[in-house]
Amino acid sequence: MKRPIYNFSAGPAVLPKPVLAQVQEELPDWHDSGMSILEMSHRGKEYSGIIAQAEADLRELLAIPDNYRVLFLQGGASLQFAMVPLNLLASGRAAYVETGVWSRKASAEARRLGGNIDIVASNAEHRDHAVPVQEQWQLQGEYRYCHYADNETIDGIEFDFIPNLGSVPLVADVSSNILSKPLDVSRFGLLYAGAQKNIGPAGLTLVIVRDDLLGRAGAQLPTMLDYAVHAKEHSMYNTPPTFAIYVAGLVFRWVLEQGGLAAMAERNARKARLLYDAIDQSGGFYRNDVAPRNRSRMNVPFFLHDAALDAAFLREAGEWGLLQLKGHRLLGGMRASLYNAMPETGVQALVDFLGDFARRHG
């Protein structure tokens, strides 16, 4: 009997099967409109309803306060590395926390744009294996905002706390763990996420920004990079990524039907615990180097005790129907991403394979 296929890609990543089935059914003719979702005008009444419902469902999921705007943008999280300082750092200083590859890219981009930034905390001395506790942060004076990556997709590091910096607005990259757990949006000034990990297809970027942070950009900022413009036009200043927003809306509805973010958090905790236990109990055949308190529930990097076995591991995993387990090129080893749409049966299948492979190659 053919084994089921489980896709552990870090992004573009697995989507819920019911969502894919609905996309397949509706793609040729959306709700008897005579148009595919790929064909309809973003300003027509049909699509206006789609994007409005997507925003409403997202607001319900995250309990987004009324004084926050939801923006459906493009360019990925990497464009936000530039848009954040361009919009929020017209003058003054910003604080950045570096915990891995993506947070370092964000700070490097802000610095490249001439931003006056301080690296107030870094885990370089821990070889990227932990989040510095806030008591160790070197805060110097007033800041326009503080930026951090809540979950490092490559390094497998996740914050176990929300920083408390008083009136300093928090800006967080939540690309790879958004919708995986409840999140108090009111604690943040701005949240952003590339969609292709836990929301939907590549091409959509989600930004949630507090009203008082809009309009801070200088007059020379290009129109397309101005949050205030997109907020005023309700994400319709130009043609938005219509198909990606449609699929994201279906994912939002699917999460609500699963019981919302509390249910997602419980399920994700079980999945992560199952995999980490298998790694920790392998007698050293596998290892994860992240401090237990900061182990990501979404992205689990791990290494075989002998890297010479990596190729055989990936080949045999593929034969078991376990795909996209190769680690990021900057880190090596293996990585399993356990986003909302990854079923517990998929994680159990991976755990079974880990045990079988270790027995045969240990």
Protein backbone atom coordinates (compact mmCIF):
# COMPACT_ATOMS: atom_id res chain seq x y z
CA MET A 1 0.00 0.00 0.00
CA LYS A 2 1.31 3.43 -0.93
CA ARG A 3 2.32 5.50 2.07
CA PRO A 4 0.63 8.88 2.64
CA ILE A 5 2.74 11.91 1.75
CA TYR A 6 3.69 14.46 4.41
CA ASN A 7 5.33 17.73 3.39
CA PHE A 8 7.60 19.25 6.06
CA SER A 9 8.68 22.23 3.95
CA ALA A 10 9.42 25.48 5.79
CA GLY A 11 7.69 27.48 3.05
CA PRO A 12 5.92 27.47 0.74
CA ALA A 13 4.40 25.02 3.12
CA VAL A 14 1.62 22.51 3.60
CA LEU A 15 -1.96 23.82 3.40
CA PRO A 16 -5.05 22.25 4.99
CA LYS A 17 -6.48 19.58 2.71
CA PRO A 18 -10.07 20.90 3.08
CA VAL A 19 -8.83 24.30 1.90
CA LEU A 20 -7.11 22.78 -1.13
CA ALA A 21 -10.28 20.84 -1.95
CA GLN A 22 -12.39 23.99 -1.75
CA VAL A 23 -9.94 25.88 -3.97
CA GLN A 24 -10.10 23.07 -6.51
CA GLU A 25 -13.89 23.09 -6.49
CA GLU A 26 -14.30 26.85 -6.72
CA LEU A 27 -11.44 27.69 -9.07
CA PRO A 28 -13.22 27.37 -12.44
CA ASP A 29 -16.39 29.18 -11.34
CA TRP A 30 -16.53 30.97 -8.01
CA HIS A 31 -19.99 30.61 -6.46
CA ASP A 32 -21.75 30.49 -9.87
CA SER A 33 -20.42 33.92 -10.73
CA GLY A 34 -19.17 32.72 -14.11
CA MET A 35 -15.67 33.85 -13.14
CA SER A 36 -12.66 32.18 -11.65
CA ILE A 37 -11.14 33.82 -8.61
CA LEU A 38 -8.13 34.34 -10.88
CA GLU A 39 -10.18 36.42 -13.30
CA MET A 40 -12.41 38.69 -11.25
CA SER A 41 -11.72 42.37 -10.69
CA HIS A 42 -10.29 43.21 -7.29
CA ARG A 43 -12.72 46.15 -7.21
CA GLY A 44 -15.81 44.15 -8.14
CA LYS A 45 -18.51 43.32 -5.62
CA GLU A 46 -17.60 39.62 -5.60
CA TYR A 47 -14.00 40.18 -4.61
CA SER A 48 -14.87 43.01 -2.22
CA GLY A 49 -16.82 40.46 -0.22
CA ILE A 50 -13.95 37.97 -0.28
CA ILE A 51 -11.32 40.34 1.09
CA ALA A 52 -13.71 41.84 3.64
CA GLN A 53 -14.57 38.37 4.99
CA ALA A 54 -10.89 37.42 5.14
CA GLU A 55 -10.13 40.49 7.23
CA ALA A 56 -13.16 39.92 9.47
CA ASP A 57 -12.15 36.31 10.17
CA LEU A 58 -8.56 37.30 10.89
CA ARG A 59 -9.75 40.00 13.27
CA GLU A 60 -11.89 37.43 15.06
CA LEU A 61 -9.04 34.91 15.31
CA LEU A 62 -6.54 37.39 16.75
CA ALA A 63 -9.07 39.62 18.54
CA ILE A 64 -7.51 42.58 16.72
CA PRO A 65 -8.50 45.87 18.40
CA ASP A 66 -10.36 48.50 16.39
CA ASN A 67 -7.39 50.88 16.42
CA TYR A 68 -5.27 48.52 14.30
CA ARG A 69 -5.27 48.30 10.50
CA VAL A 70 -4.96 45.01 8.62
CA LEU A 71 -2.95 45.38 5.42
CA PHE A 72 -2.70 42.76 2.69
CA LEU A 73 0.57 43.61 0.95
CA GLN A 74 3.23 41.99 -1.22
CA GLY A 75 7.01 41.61 -1.18
CA GLY A 76 7.34 39.07 1.62
CA ALA A 77 8.72 39.64 5.09
CA SER A 78 12.01 40.68 3.48
CA LEU A 79 10.40 43.87 2.12
CA GLN A 80 9.15 44.60 5.64
CA PHE A 81 12.77 44.68 6.79
CA ALA A 82 12.92 47.96 4.81
CA MET A 83 9.33 49.20 5.17
CA VAL A 84 9.45 49.15 8.97
CA PRO A 85 12.36 51.60 9.34
CA LEU A 86 11.24 53.67 6.35
CA ASN A 87 7.85 54.19 7.97
CA LEU A 88 8.71 54.29 11.67
CA LEU A 89 12.25 55.66 11.88
CA ALA A 90 12.09 59.07 10.22
CA SER A 91 14.21 60.28 13.15
CA GLY A 92 15.49 58.94 16.43
CA ARG A 93 16.79 55.46 17.16
CA ALA A 94 15.43 51.93 16.97
CA ALA A 95 16.28 48.83 18.99
CA TYR A 96 16.86 45.46 17.34
CA VAL A 97 17.16 42.03 18.93
CA GLU A 98 19.16 39.45 16.99
CA THR A 99 18.34 35.79 17.59
CA GLY A 100 19.03 34.18 14.22
CA VAL A 101 19.31 34.57 10.48
CA TRP A 102 16.12 36.54 9.83
CA SER A 103 16.42 39.03 12.69
CA ARG A 104 19.99 39.74 11.61
CA LYS A 105 18.79 40.36 8.05
CA ALA A 106 16.21 42.79 9.41
CA SER A 107 18.76 44.79 11.40
CA ALA A 108 21.21 44.78 8.49
CA GLU A 109 18.55 46.23 6.19
CA ALA A 110 17.67 48.98 8.66
CA ARG A 111 21.34 49.85 8.97
CA ARG A 112 21.76 49.81 5.18
CA LEU A 113 18.99 52.40 4.88
CA GLY A 114 20.88 54.68 7.23
CA GLY A 115 18.79 53.88 10.26
CA ASN A 116 20.19 54.80 13.64
CA ILE A 117 19.83 51.44 15.39
CA ASP A 118 21.14 49.68 18.46
CA ILE A 119 21.53 45.92 18.74
CA VAL A 120 20.19 45.73 22.27
CA ALA A 121 20.45 41.94 22.56
CA SER A 122 22.13 39.18 20.61
CA ASN A 123 22.55 35.47 21.18
CA ALA A 124 25.76 35.24 19.18
CA GLU A 125 27.67 34.01 22.21
CA HIS A 126 25.13 31.20 22.54
CA ARG A 127 25.64 30.17 18.90
CA ASP A 128 22.02 31.11 18.14
CA HIS A 129 20.64 28.54 20.55
CA ALA A 130 18.61 30.74 22.90
CA VAL A 131 16.76 34.04 23.27
CA PRO A 132 18.56 36.46 25.61
CA VAL A 133 16.40 37.08 28.68
CA GLN A 134 15.15 40.65 28.77
CA GLU A 135 17.12 41.45 31.91
CA GLN A 136 20.28 41.14 29.77
CA TRP A 137 19.16 43.59 27.08
CA GLN A 138 21.30 46.72 26.78
CA LEU A 139 18.68 49.43 26.31
CA GLN A 140 20.04 52.94 25.83
CA GLY A 141 17.62 55.84 25.98
CA GLU A 142 14.43 56.30 23.97
CA TYR A 143 13.54 54.24 20.92
CA ARG A 144 11.02 54.71 18.12
CA TYR A 145 10.40 50.95 18.16
CA CYS A 146 11.96 47.61 19.10
CA HIS A 147 12.13 44.88 16.45
CA TYR A 148 12.50 41.14 16.96
CA ALA A 149 11.66 37.88 15.18
CA ASP A 150 9.24 35.90 17.32
CA ASN A 151 10.20 32.65 15.61
CA GLU A 152 13.40 32.04 13.68
CA THR A 153 12.43 29.68 10.85
CA ILE A 154 15.99 28.62 10.03
CA ASP A 155 17.45 28.42 13.53
CA GLY A 156 14.37 26.90 15.18
CA ILE A 157 14.30 29.47 18.00
CA GLU A 158 11.05 30.90 19.38
CA PHE A 159 10.53 33.61 21.97
CA ASP A 160 9.00 32.33 25.21
CA PHE A 161 7.91 35.82 26.28
CA ILE A 162 6.61 39.10 24.88
CA PRO A 163 9.10 41.86 25.71
CA ASN A 164 7.91 44.64 27.99
CA LEU A 165 9.52 47.95 27.02
CA GLY A 166 6.91 50.31 28.38
CA SER A 167 5.81 52.81 25.74
CA VAL A 168 8.29 51.64 23.09
CA PRO A 169 6.26 50.04 20.25
CA LEU A 170 7.11 46.40 19.64
CA VAL A 171 7.55 45.31 16.02
CA ALA A 172 7.61 41.56 15.48
CA ASP A 173 8.23 39.31 12.51
CA VAL A 174 5.71 36.52 13.10
CA SER A 175 5.98 34.94 9.66
CA SER A 176 6.41 31.36 10.79
CA ASN A 177 4.31 31.17 13.95
CA ILE A 178 1.36 33.47 13.35
CA LEU A 179 -1.99 31.69 13.96
CA SER A 180 -0.18 28.89 15.82
CA LYS A 181 -1.22 30.21 19.24
CA PRO A 182 -3.20 33.07 20.81
CA LEU A 183 -1.43 36.41 20.51
CA ASP A 184 -2.22 39.66 22.31
CA VAL A 185 -2.07 42.10 19.41
CA SER A 186 -2.51 45.05 21.76
CA ARG A 187 1.01 44.43 23.11
CA PHE A 188 2.49 45.36 19.71
CA GLY A 189 2.80 48.39 17.52
CA LEU A 190 3.20 46.36 14.34
CA LEU A 191 3.19 42.70 13.34
CA TYR A 192 4.13 41.36 9.94
CA ALA A 193 4.22 37.94 8.30
CA GLY A 194 4.95 36.39 4.96
CA ALA A 195 1.96 34.18 4.21
CA GLN A 196 3.69 31.15 2.73
CA LYS A 197 4.33 29.38 6.03
CA ASN A 198 1.17 29.31 8.15
CA ILE A 199 -1.34 31.43 6.22
CA GLY A 200 -1.46 30.60 2.52
CA PRO A 201 0.39 30.82 -0.79
CA ALA A 202 3.54 32.80 -1.43
CA GLY A 203 2.92 36.34 -2.69
CA LEU A 204 0.93 37.74 0.22
CA THR A 205 2.35 39.66 3.17
CA LEU A 206 0.22 40.46 6.19
CA VAL A 207 0.81 43.62 8.23
CA ILE A 208 -1.14 44.58 11.37
CA VAL A 209 -0.29 48.12 12.43
CA ARG A 210 -1.58 50.45 15.15
CA ASP A 211 -3.21 53.63 13.93
CA ASP A 212 -0.87 56.02 15.74
CA LEU A 213 2.14 54.59 13.87
CA LEU A 214 0.74 55.55 10.47
CA GLY A 215 1.83 58.74 8.77
CA ARG A 216 5.27 58.92 10.37
CA ALA A 217 7.14 58.45 7.09
CA GLY A 218 9.08 61.24 5.43
CA ALA A 219 7.77 62.98 2.32
CA GLN A 220 10.32 61.25 0.09
CA LEU A 221 9.06 57.75 0.85
CA PRO A 222 7.81 55.99 -2.32
CA THR A 223 4.03 55.74 -2.29
CA MET A 224 4.00 51.94 -2.51
CA LEU A 225 6.12 51.68 0.63
CA ASP A 226 3.89 53.89 2.79
CA TYR A 227 1.71 52.04 5.29
CA ALA A 228 -0.61 55.05 5.56
CA VAL A 229 -1.41 54.89 1.84
CA HIS A 230 -2.32 51.21 1.99
CA ALA A 231 -4.37 51.72 5.14
CA LYS A 232 -6.31 54.60 3.61
CA GLU A 233 -7.05 52.54 0.48
CA HIS A 234 -7.93 49.37 2.42
CA SER A 235 -5.13 47.39 0.73
CA MET A 236 -6.49 48.44 -2.68
CA TYR A 237 -4.04 51.19 -3.68
CA ASN A 238 -2.92 48.83 -6.43
CA THR A 239 -4.04 45.34 -7.43
CA PRO A 240 -3.48 43.16 -4.36
CA PRO A 241 -2.45 39.47 -4.55
CA THR A 242 -6.07 38.43 -5.05
CA PHE A 243 -5.65 34.66 -5.24
CA ALA A 244 -3.37 34.50 -2.21
CA ILE A 245 -5.80 36.61 -0.16
CA TYR A 246 -8.67 34.34 -1.19
CA VAL A 247 -6.78 31.23 -0.06
CA ALA A 248 -5.68 32.96 3.16
CA GLY A 249 -9.33 33.72 3.86
CA LEU A 250 -10.17 30.03 3.51
CA VAL A 251 -7.34 29.18 5.91
CA PHE A 252 -8.63 31.72 8.44
CA ARG A 253 -12.07 30.13 8.24
CA TRP A 254 -10.55 26.63 8.60
CA VAL A 255 -8.67 27.68 11.76
CA LEU A 256 -11.89 29.08 13.22
CA GLU A 257 -13.66 25.80 12.45
CA GLN A 258 -10.87 23.85 14.19
CA GLY A 259 -11.59 25.73 17.42
CA GLY A 260 -9.47 28.84 16.90
CA LEU A 261 -6.00 29.64 18.16
CA ALA A 262 -6.35 27.97 21.55
CA ALA A 263 -7.07 24.66 19.83
CA MET A 264 -4.20 25.24 17.40
CA ALA A 265 -1.84 25.91 20.31
CA GLU A 266 -2.75 22.65 22.04
CA ARG A 267 -2.36 20.64 18.85
CA ASN A 268 0.95 22.28 17.97
CA ALA A 269 2.32 21.68 21.46
CA ARG A 270 1.53 17.98 21.17
CA LYS A 271 3.16 17.71 17.76
CA ALA A 272 6.31 19.51 18.84
CA ARG A 273 6.61 17.52 22.06
CA LEU A 274 6.28 14.25 20.14
CA LEU A 275 9.13 15.13 17.79
CA TYR A 276 11.46 16.68 20.37
CA ASP A 277 10.99 13.67 22.66
CA ALA A 278 11.99 11.34 19.82
CA ILE A 279 15.13 13.41 19.17
CA ASP A 280 16.08 13.67 22.84
CA GLN A 281 15.50 9.97 23.51
CA SER A 282 17.53 8.76 20.51
CA GLY A 283 20.66 8.18 22.58
CA GLY A 284 22.58 10.86 20.70
CA PHE A 285 21.79 9.56 17.22
CA TYR A 286 19.85 12.80 16.64
CA ARG A 287 20.28 16.14 18.37
CA ASN A 288 18.63 19.55 18.58
CA ASP A 289 20.87 22.31 19.91
CA VAL A 290 18.26 24.89 20.93
CA ALA A 291 17.72 25.69 24.60
CA PRO A 292 14.54 23.81 25.64
CA ARG A 293 12.72 26.99 26.67
CA ASN A 294 13.20 28.44 23.17
CA ARG A 295 12.58 25.40 21.03
CA SER A 296 10.31 26.39 18.18
CA ARG A 297 7.00 24.58 17.90
CA MET A 298 6.90 25.33 14.18
CA ASN A 299 10.42 24.64 12.87
CA VAL A 300 12.52 21.84 14.31
CA PRO A 301 16.12 21.67 13.07
CA PHE A 302 18.00 18.52 14.00
CA PHE A 303 21.25 16.80 13.14
CA LEU A 304 22.35 13.19 12.76
CA HIS A 305 25.34 12.16 14.85
CA ASP A 306 27.18 11.37 11.59
CA ALA A 307 26.62 13.82 8.72
CA ALA A 308 27.75 11.12 6.31
CA LEU A 309 24.31 9.55 6.84
CA ASP A 310 22.42 12.67 5.73
CA ALA A 311 21.98 11.62 2.11
CA ALA A 312 20.72 8.17 3.07
CA PHE A 313 18.36 9.72 5.62
CA LEU A 314 16.77 12.01 3.06
CA ARG A 315 16.52 9.28 0.44
CA GLU A 316 14.87 6.81 2.78
CA ALA A 317 12.61 9.49 4.28
CA GLY A 318 11.36 10.17 0.77
CA GLU A 319 10.61 6.49 0.33
CA TRP A 320 8.50 6.72 3.51
CA GLY A 321 6.58 9.66 2.03
CA LEU A 322 8.31 12.22 4.27
CA LEU A 323 9.30 15.17 2.09
CA GLN A 324 11.27 18.44 2.38
CA LEU A 325 13.30 17.48 5.45
CA LYS A 326 16.63 18.85 4.28
CA GLY A 327 17.88 21.63 6.55
CA HIS A 328 18.45 25.17 5.36
CA ARG A 329 21.63 25.63 3.37
CA LEU A 330 23.02 28.02 6.02
CA LEU A 331 22.56 25.53 8.86
CA GLY A 332 22.73 22.07 7.31
CA GLY A 333 21.31 18.96 8.90
CA MET A 334 17.55 18.41 8.82
CA ARG A 335 14.50 20.52 9.53
CA ALA A 336 10.87 19.53 10.03
CA SER A 337 8.26 22.29 9.92
CA LEU A 338 5.11 21.55 11.90
CA TYR A 339 2.71 24.28 10.85
CA ASN A 340 -1.01 24.21 11.65
CA ALA A 341 -1.85 22.16 8.56
CA MET A 342 0.60 19.37 9.42
CA PRO A 343 -1.53 16.60 10.97
CA GLU A 344 -0.40 14.75 14.06
CA THR A 345 -0.32 11.58 11.98
CA GLY A 346 2.41 13.18 9.88
CA VAL A 347 4.56 13.89 12.92
CA GLN A 348 3.99 10.36 14.19
CA ALA A 349 5.08 8.99 10.81
CA LEU A 350 8.28 11.04 11.04
CA VAL A 351 8.92 9.82 14.59
CA ASP A 352 8.43 6.22 13.47
CA PHE A 353 10.93 6.75 10.67
CA LEU A 354 13.46 8.35 13.00
CA GLY A 355 13.37 5.29 15.22
CA ASP A 356 13.56 2.86 12.30
CA PHE A 357 16.47 4.69 10.66
CA ALA A 358 18.42 4.89 13.92
CA ARG A 359 17.97 1.15 14.54
CA ARG A 360 19.28 0.27 11.10
CA HIS A 361 22.15 2.77 10.97
CA GLY A 362 23.12 3.18 14.63
